[in-house]
Amino acid sequence: VHKPSLESFGADQFDETDHGERRKKTSFFNWWFFGACSGTLLGVSAFVYVTEHLGWGVGFAVLAVVLAIVFLSLLIGTPYYRYKVPRGSPLTPMLQVFVAAMAKKKLPLPSDPSQLYDPVVPGRRRVSHTSRM
């Protein structure tokens, strides 16, 4: 449950247009993956050891303390987070593209990509044209 929400929230904390922050974003994902793998390793080794030798109650108490520490660190960082305001529904542009594609499916495709309609939208990256799907 945590992976799609926290990982994307962490990625939103970096500015894609700034070269330094782009490098930090790469480092963030490296550390994110390292943390996920380390947590998994501890979960299948240390947690099993604690529950086998000290009991389930102690094992789950340790997990509850770790979860509380992680949650508190998330809350302490709240004033420093960058929040991006949602820009409408994510379904609207997808439906617009689908409707436009259905309406224009019988039109011939130009051989030169510069003849395609590709407006510059501030704050959004352009998608490169390819000959494949």
N, C-alpha and C. Protein backbone atom coordinates (compact mmCIF):
# COMPACT_ATOMS: atom_id res chain seq x y z
N VAL A 1 0.83 -1.19 0.00
CA VAL A 1 0.00 0.00 0.00
C VAL A 1 0.87 1.25 0.00
N HIS A 2 2.00 1.23 0.65
CA HIS A 2 2.83 2.44 0.77
C HIS A 2 3.55 2.79 -0.52
N LYS A 3 3.89 1.82 -1.32
CA LYS A 3 4.76 2.06 -2.47
C LYS A 3 4.22 3.08 -3.47
N PRO A 4 3.00 2.95 -3.98
CA PRO A 4 2.58 3.92 -4.99
C PRO A 4 2.36 5.32 -4.43
N SER A 5 2.00 5.45 -3.18
CA SER A 5 1.70 6.79 -2.67
C SER A 5 2.94 7.50 -2.16
N LEU A 6 3.72 6.88 -1.32
CA LEU A 6 4.87 7.57 -0.74
C LEU A 6 6.01 7.76 -1.74
N GLU A 7 6.20 6.80 -2.61
CA GLU A 7 7.27 6.92 -3.61
C GLU A 7 6.99 8.08 -4.57
N SER A 8 5.75 8.19 -5.02
CA SER A 8 5.42 9.30 -5.92
C SER A 8 5.41 10.63 -5.17
N PHE A 9 5.01 10.63 -3.92
CA PHE A 9 5.07 11.86 -3.12
C PHE A 9 6.51 12.30 -2.93
N GLY A 10 7.40 11.36 -2.70
CA GLY A 10 8.82 11.69 -2.59
C GLY A 10 9.39 12.22 -3.88
N ALA A 11 8.97 11.66 -5.00
CA ALA A 11 9.46 12.13 -6.30
C ALA A 11 8.98 13.55 -6.59
N ASP A 12 7.81 13.91 -6.08
CA ASP A 12 7.28 15.27 -6.29
C ASP A 12 8.07 16.33 -5.52
N GLN A 13 8.93 15.92 -4.61
CA GLN A 13 9.68 16.89 -3.82
C GLN A 13 10.86 17.48 -4.57
N PHE A 14 11.12 17.01 -5.77
CA PHE A 14 12.27 17.47 -6.56
C PHE A 14 11.80 18.19 -7.80
N ASP A 15 12.54 19.25 -8.18
CA ASP A 15 12.22 20.04 -9.37
C ASP A 15 12.96 19.44 -10.56
N GLU A 16 12.21 18.99 -11.55
CA GLU A 16 12.79 18.35 -12.74
C GLU A 16 13.64 19.31 -13.56
N THR A 17 13.35 20.61 -13.50
CA THR A 17 14.07 21.57 -14.34
C THR A 17 15.43 21.93 -13.75
N ASP A 18 15.65 21.67 -12.47
CA ASP A 18 16.92 21.98 -11.81
C ASP A 18 17.83 20.75 -11.89
N HIS A 19 19.04 20.94 -12.47
CA HIS A 19 19.96 19.81 -12.66
C HIS A 19 20.36 19.19 -11.32
N GLY A 20 20.64 20.02 -10.31
CA GLY A 20 21.04 19.49 -9.01
C GLY A 20 19.94 18.66 -8.36
N GLU A 21 18.71 19.14 -8.47
CA GLU A 21 17.60 18.40 -7.88
C GLU A 21 17.29 17.13 -8.67
N ARG A 22 17.57 17.15 -9.96
CA ARG A 22 17.36 15.94 -10.77
C ARG A 22 18.32 14.84 -10.30
N ARG A 23 19.56 15.22 -9.96
CA ARG A 23 20.52 14.24 -9.44
C ARG A 23 20.08 13.74 -8.06
N LYS A 24 19.56 14.67 -7.23
CA LYS A 24 19.08 14.27 -5.91
C LYS A 24 17.89 13.32 -6.02
N LYS A 25 17.07 13.52 -7.04
CA LYS A 25 15.92 12.63 -7.25
C LYS A 25 16.40 11.22 -7.55
N THR A 26 17.43 11.10 -8.37
CA THR A 26 18.00 9.78 -8.67
C THR A 26 18.53 9.14 -7.39
N SER A 27 19.23 9.94 -6.58
CA SER A 27 19.75 9.44 -5.31
C SER A 27 18.61 9.03 -4.38
N PHE A 28 17.53 9.81 -4.40
CA PHE A 28 16.37 9.47 -3.58
C PHE A 28 15.84 8.08 -3.92
N PHE A 29 15.70 7.78 -5.20
CA PHE A 29 15.18 6.47 -5.59
C PHE A 29 16.16 5.36 -5.24
N ASN A 30 17.46 5.63 -5.32
CA ASN A 30 18.44 4.62 -4.90
C ASN A 30 18.29 4.32 -3.42
N TRP A 31 18.19 5.37 -2.60
CA TRP A 31 18.03 5.18 -1.16
C TRP A 31 16.67 4.56 -0.84
N TRP A 32 15.65 4.93 -1.60
CA TRP A 32 14.32 4.35 -1.39
C TRP A 32 14.38 2.83 -1.60
N PHE A 33 15.00 2.41 -2.69
CA PHE A 33 15.10 0.99 -2.98
C PHE A 33 15.96 0.28 -1.93
N PHE A 34 17.07 0.91 -1.52
CA PHE A 34 17.92 0.34 -0.48
C PHE A 34 17.13 0.16 0.81
N GLY A 35 16.35 1.17 1.18
CA GLY A 35 15.54 1.08 2.40
C GLY A 35 14.49 -0.01 2.32
N ALA A 36 13.85 -0.13 1.16
CA ALA A 36 12.83 -1.17 0.99
C ALA A 36 13.45 -2.56 1.09
N CYS A 37 14.61 -2.74 0.47
CA CYS A 37 15.29 -4.04 0.54
C CYS A 37 15.81 -4.33 1.95
N SER A 38 16.34 -3.30 2.61
CA SER A 38 16.82 -3.49 3.98
C SER A 38 15.68 -3.84 4.92
N GLY A 39 14.55 -3.16 4.76
CA GLY A 39 13.38 -3.47 5.58
C GLY A 39 12.88 -4.88 5.36
N THR A 40 12.91 -5.31 4.11
CA THR A 40 12.50 -6.68 3.80
C THR A 40 13.45 -7.68 4.44
N LEU A 41 14.74 -7.42 4.34
CA LEU A 41 15.74 -8.31 4.94
C LEU A 41 15.56 -8.39 6.46
N LEU A 42 15.36 -7.24 7.09
CA LEU A 42 15.13 -7.25 8.54
C LEU A 42 13.82 -7.96 8.89
N GLY A 43 12.82 -7.78 8.04
CA GLY A 43 11.54 -8.42 8.30
C GLY A 43 11.58 -9.93 8.25
N VAL A 44 12.38 -10.47 7.33
CA VAL A 44 12.43 -11.92 7.20
C VAL A 44 13.54 -12.55 8.04
N SER A 45 14.37 -11.74 8.67
CA SER A 45 15.42 -12.30 9.51
C SER A 45 15.26 -11.88 10.98
N ALA A 46 15.42 -10.61 11.27
CA ALA A 46 15.38 -10.14 12.65
C ALA A 46 13.99 -10.34 13.27
N PHE A 47 12.94 -10.01 12.52
CA PHE A 47 11.59 -10.17 13.07
C PHE A 47 11.29 -11.63 13.37
N VAL A 48 11.70 -12.51 12.48
CA VAL A 48 11.48 -13.95 12.70
C VAL A 48 12.25 -14.41 13.93
N TYR A 49 13.49 -13.95 14.07
CA TYR A 49 14.30 -14.32 15.23
C TYR A 49 13.63 -13.85 16.53
N VAL A 50 13.18 -12.60 16.55
CA VAL A 50 12.55 -12.05 17.76
C VAL A 50 11.27 -12.82 18.09
N THR A 51 10.44 -13.09 17.10
CA THR A 51 9.18 -13.79 17.39
C THR A 51 9.42 -15.24 17.81
N GLU A 52 10.45 -15.88 17.27
CA GLU A 52 10.74 -17.27 17.65
C GLU A 52 11.31 -17.37 19.06
N HIS A 53 12.16 -16.40 19.45
CA HIS A 53 12.85 -16.50 20.74
C HIS A 53 12.20 -15.69 21.85
N LEU A 54 11.49 -14.62 21.51
CA LEU A 54 10.91 -13.77 22.55
C LEU A 54 9.39 -13.74 22.52
N GLY A 55 8.79 -14.26 21.49
CA GLY A 55 7.33 -14.33 21.42
C GLY A 55 6.74 -13.33 20.43
N TRP A 56 5.49 -13.64 20.05
CA TRP A 56 4.79 -12.81 19.08
C TRP A 56 4.50 -11.41 19.63
N GLY A 57 4.19 -11.33 20.90
CA GLY A 57 3.88 -10.03 21.50
C GLY A 57 5.04 -9.06 21.40
N VAL A 58 6.23 -9.54 21.73
CA VAL A 58 7.43 -8.69 21.64
C VAL A 58 7.71 -8.33 20.18
N GLY A 59 7.56 -9.30 19.30
CA GLY A 59 7.81 -9.05 17.88
C GLY A 59 6.90 -7.96 17.32
N PHE A 60 5.61 -8.05 17.63
CA PHE A 60 4.69 -7.04 17.13
C PHE A 60 4.85 -5.71 17.86
N ALA A 61 5.30 -5.73 19.10
CA ALA A 61 5.59 -4.48 19.80
C ALA A 61 6.76 -3.76 19.15
N VAL A 62 7.79 -4.50 18.76
CA VAL A 62 8.93 -3.90 18.06
C VAL A 62 8.46 -3.29 16.74
N LEU A 63 7.62 -4.01 16.00
CA LEU A 63 7.10 -3.47 14.74
C LEU A 63 6.26 -2.21 14.97
N ALA A 64 5.48 -2.19 16.05
CA ALA A 64 4.65 -1.01 16.35
C ALA A 64 5.53 0.19 16.67
N VAL A 65 6.62 -0.03 17.41
CA VAL A 65 7.54 1.07 17.75
C VAL A 65 8.22 1.59 16.48
N VAL A 66 8.67 0.70 15.62
CA VAL A 66 9.31 1.12 14.36
C VAL A 66 8.32 1.90 13.51
N LEU A 67 7.09 1.42 13.42
CA LEU A 67 6.06 2.12 12.65
C LEU A 67 5.78 3.50 13.24
N ALA A 68 5.73 3.62 14.56
CA ALA A 68 5.51 4.92 15.20
C ALA A 68 6.65 5.88 14.90
N ILE A 69 7.89 5.39 14.93
CA ILE A 69 9.05 6.25 14.63
C ILE A 69 8.99 6.75 13.19
N VAL A 70 8.67 5.86 12.27
CA VAL A 70 8.59 6.25 10.85
C VAL A 70 7.45 7.25 10.65
N PHE A 71 6.31 7.02 11.28
CA PHE A 71 5.18 7.93 11.15
C PHE A 71 5.51 9.30 11.73
N LEU A 72 6.17 9.34 12.87
CA LEU A 72 6.57 10.62 13.47
C LEU A 72 7.56 11.37 12.58
N SER A 73 8.49 10.65 11.98
CA SER A 73 9.44 11.32 11.08
C SER A 73 8.72 11.90 9.87
N LEU A 74 7.69 11.21 9.39
CA LEU A 74 6.88 11.73 8.29
C LEU A 74 6.14 13.00 8.71
N LEU A 75 5.59 13.01 9.91
CA LEU A 75 4.87 14.18 10.40
C LEU A 75 5.80 15.35 10.70
N ILE A 76 6.99 15.08 11.21
CA ILE A 76 7.94 16.16 11.52
C ILE A 76 8.38 16.86 10.24
N GLY A 77 8.47 16.14 9.15
CA GLY A 77 8.89 16.75 7.88
C GLY A 77 7.79 17.51 7.17
N THR A 78 6.55 17.47 7.66
CA THR A 78 5.42 18.09 6.99
C THR A 78 5.64 19.55 6.60
N PRO A 79 6.21 20.41 7.44
CA PRO A 79 6.38 21.81 7.04
C PRO A 79 7.34 22.00 5.87
N TYR A 80 8.16 21.02 5.58
CA TYR A 80 9.18 21.16 4.54
C TYR A 80 8.76 20.55 3.20
N TYR A 81 7.61 19.89 3.14
CA TYR A 81 7.18 19.23 1.92
C TYR A 81 6.73 20.24 0.88
N ARG A 82 6.92 19.90 -0.38
CA ARG A 82 6.39 20.68 -1.50
C ARG A 82 5.08 20.04 -1.93
N TYR A 83 4.04 20.81 -1.90
CA TYR A 83 2.73 20.30 -2.31
C TYR A 83 2.40 20.83 -3.69
N LYS A 84 1.96 19.95 -4.56
CA LYS A 84 1.53 20.36 -5.90
C LYS A 84 0.01 20.33 -5.94
N VAL A 85 -0.57 21.46 -6.33
CA VAL A 85 -2.02 21.57 -6.39
C VAL A 85 -2.52 20.78 -7.60
N PRO A 86 -3.52 19.93 -7.41
CA PRO A 86 -4.05 19.18 -8.54
C PRO A 86 -4.63 20.11 -9.60
N ARG A 87 -4.43 19.74 -10.87
CA ARG A 87 -4.93 20.55 -11.98
C ARG A 87 -6.08 19.82 -12.66
N GLY A 88 -7.20 19.75 -12.04
CA GLY A 88 -8.36 19.10 -12.66
C GLY A 88 -8.28 17.59 -12.56
N SER A 89 -9.18 16.97 -13.26
CA SER A 89 -9.27 15.51 -13.24
C SER A 89 -8.22 14.89 -14.16
N PRO A 90 -7.55 13.82 -13.72
CA PRO A 90 -6.61 13.15 -14.61
C PRO A 90 -7.30 12.39 -15.74
N LEU A 91 -8.59 12.13 -15.59
CA LEU A 91 -9.32 11.40 -16.62
C LEU A 91 -9.69 12.28 -17.81
N THR A 92 -9.86 13.58 -17.59
CA THR A 92 -10.29 14.47 -18.67
C THR A 92 -9.34 14.46 -19.86
N PRO A 93 -8.01 14.68 -19.67
CA PRO A 93 -7.14 14.65 -20.85
C PRO A 93 -7.07 13.28 -21.52
N MET A 94 -7.18 12.21 -20.74
CA MET A 94 -7.17 10.88 -21.35
C MET A 94 -8.40 10.67 -22.22
N LEU A 95 -9.55 11.10 -21.73
CA LEU A 95 -10.77 10.97 -22.52
C LEU A 95 -10.73 11.87 -23.75
N GLN A 96 -10.15 13.07 -23.62
CA GLN A 96 -10.03 13.96 -24.77
C GLN A 96 -9.16 13.33 -25.85
N VAL A 97 -8.06 12.71 -25.46
CA VAL A 97 -7.19 12.05 -26.43
C VAL A 97 -7.91 10.88 -27.09
N PHE A 98 -8.63 10.11 -26.30
CA PHE A 98 -9.36 8.97 -26.85
C PHE A 98 -10.42 9.41 -27.85
N VAL A 99 -11.19 10.44 -27.51
CA VAL A 99 -12.24 10.94 -28.41
C VAL A 99 -11.62 11.50 -29.68
N ALA A 100 -10.53 12.28 -29.54
CA ALA A 100 -9.86 12.84 -30.72
C ALA A 100 -9.28 11.73 -31.60
N ALA A 101 -8.72 10.70 -30.99
CA ALA A 101 -8.15 9.59 -31.76
C ALA A 101 -9.23 8.84 -32.53
N MET A 102 -10.38 8.63 -31.90
CA MET A 102 -11.47 7.94 -32.58
C MET A 102 -12.02 8.80 -33.73
N ALA A 103 -12.08 10.11 -33.52
CA ALA A 103 -12.61 10.99 -34.56
C ALA A 103 -11.67 11.09 -35.76
N LYS A 104 -10.36 10.93 -35.51
CA LYS A 104 -9.37 11.12 -36.57
C LYS A 104 -8.71 9.82 -37.03
N LYS A 105 -9.28 8.68 -36.68
CA LYS A 105 -8.61 7.41 -36.97
C LYS A 105 -8.50 7.10 -38.46
N LYS A 106 -9.33 7.69 -39.29
CA LYS A 106 -9.28 7.42 -40.74
C LYS A 106 -8.41 8.41 -41.49
N LEU A 107 -7.89 9.43 -40.81
CA LEU A 107 -7.04 10.42 -41.48
C LEU A 107 -5.65 9.83 -41.73
N PRO A 108 -4.99 10.23 -42.83
CA PRO A 108 -3.63 9.73 -43.09
C PRO A 108 -2.63 10.37 -42.12
N LEU A 109 -1.64 9.59 -41.71
CA LEU A 109 -0.61 10.06 -40.78
C LEU A 109 0.49 10.76 -41.56
N PRO A 110 0.88 12.00 -41.17
CA PRO A 110 1.95 12.68 -41.90
C PRO A 110 3.29 11.98 -41.68
N SER A 111 4.14 12.02 -42.70
CA SER A 111 5.45 11.36 -42.59
C SER A 111 6.43 12.20 -41.79
N ASP A 112 6.22 13.50 -41.71
CA ASP A 112 7.10 14.40 -40.97
C ASP A 112 6.47 14.73 -39.62
N PRO A 113 7.13 14.39 -38.49
CA PRO A 113 6.56 14.66 -37.16
C PRO A 113 6.32 16.14 -36.88
N SER A 114 7.00 17.04 -37.59
CA SER A 114 6.79 18.47 -37.34
C SER A 114 5.41 18.93 -37.80
N GLN A 115 4.73 18.14 -38.61
CA GLN A 115 3.39 18.48 -39.07
C GLN A 115 2.31 18.08 -38.06
N LEU A 116 2.70 17.36 -37.03
CA LEU A 116 1.74 16.96 -36.00
C LEU A 116 1.49 18.12 -35.04
N TYR A 117 0.29 18.17 -34.49
CA TYR A 117 -0.06 19.21 -33.52
C TYR A 117 0.56 18.84 -32.18
N ASP A 118 1.46 19.68 -31.70
CA ASP A 118 2.16 19.41 -30.45
C ASP A 118 2.39 20.74 -29.73
N PRO A 119 1.37 21.25 -29.01
CA PRO A 119 1.50 22.57 -28.39
C PRO A 119 2.47 22.55 -27.21
N VAL A 120 3.07 23.69 -26.94
CA VAL A 120 3.94 23.85 -25.78
C VAL A 120 3.07 24.24 -24.60
N VAL A 121 3.04 23.41 -23.57
CA VAL A 121 2.25 23.68 -22.38
C VAL A 121 3.22 23.98 -21.24
N PRO A 122 3.13 25.18 -20.64
CA PRO A 122 4.05 25.53 -19.55
C PRO A 122 3.92 24.55 -18.38
N GLY A 123 5.07 24.13 -17.86
CA GLY A 123 5.08 23.22 -16.72
C GLY A 123 4.97 21.75 -17.07
N ARG A 124 4.91 21.44 -18.36
CA ARG A 124 4.81 20.03 -18.77
C ARG A 124 5.92 19.71 -19.75
N ARG A 125 6.42 18.49 -19.66
CA ARG A 125 7.46 18.04 -20.58
C ARG A 125 6.84 17.53 -21.86
N ARG A 126 7.59 17.65 -22.93
CA ARG A 126 7.13 17.12 -24.22
C ARG A 126 7.48 15.64 -24.30
N VAL A 127 6.64 14.90 -24.98
CA VAL A 127 6.88 13.48 -25.21
C VAL A 127 7.54 13.34 -26.57
N SER A 128 8.62 12.59 -26.63
CA SER A 128 9.34 12.40 -27.89
C SER A 128 8.51 11.55 -28.85
N HIS A 129 8.59 11.88 -30.12
CA HIS A 129 7.87 11.11 -31.14
C HIS A 129 8.68 9.86 -31.49
N THR A 130 7.98 8.75 -31.60
CA THR A 130 8.62 7.49 -31.99
C THR A 130 7.78 6.84 -33.09
N SER A 131 8.36 5.89 -33.76
CA SER A 131 7.63 5.16 -34.79
C SER A 131 6.95 3.92 -34.22
N ARG A 132 7.19 3.65 -32.94
CA ARG A 132 6.59 2.48 -32.30
C ARG A 132 5.53 2.92 -31.30
N MET A 133 4.78 1.96 -30.80
CA MET A 133 3.73 2.24 -29.83
C MET A 133 4.34 2.64 -28.54
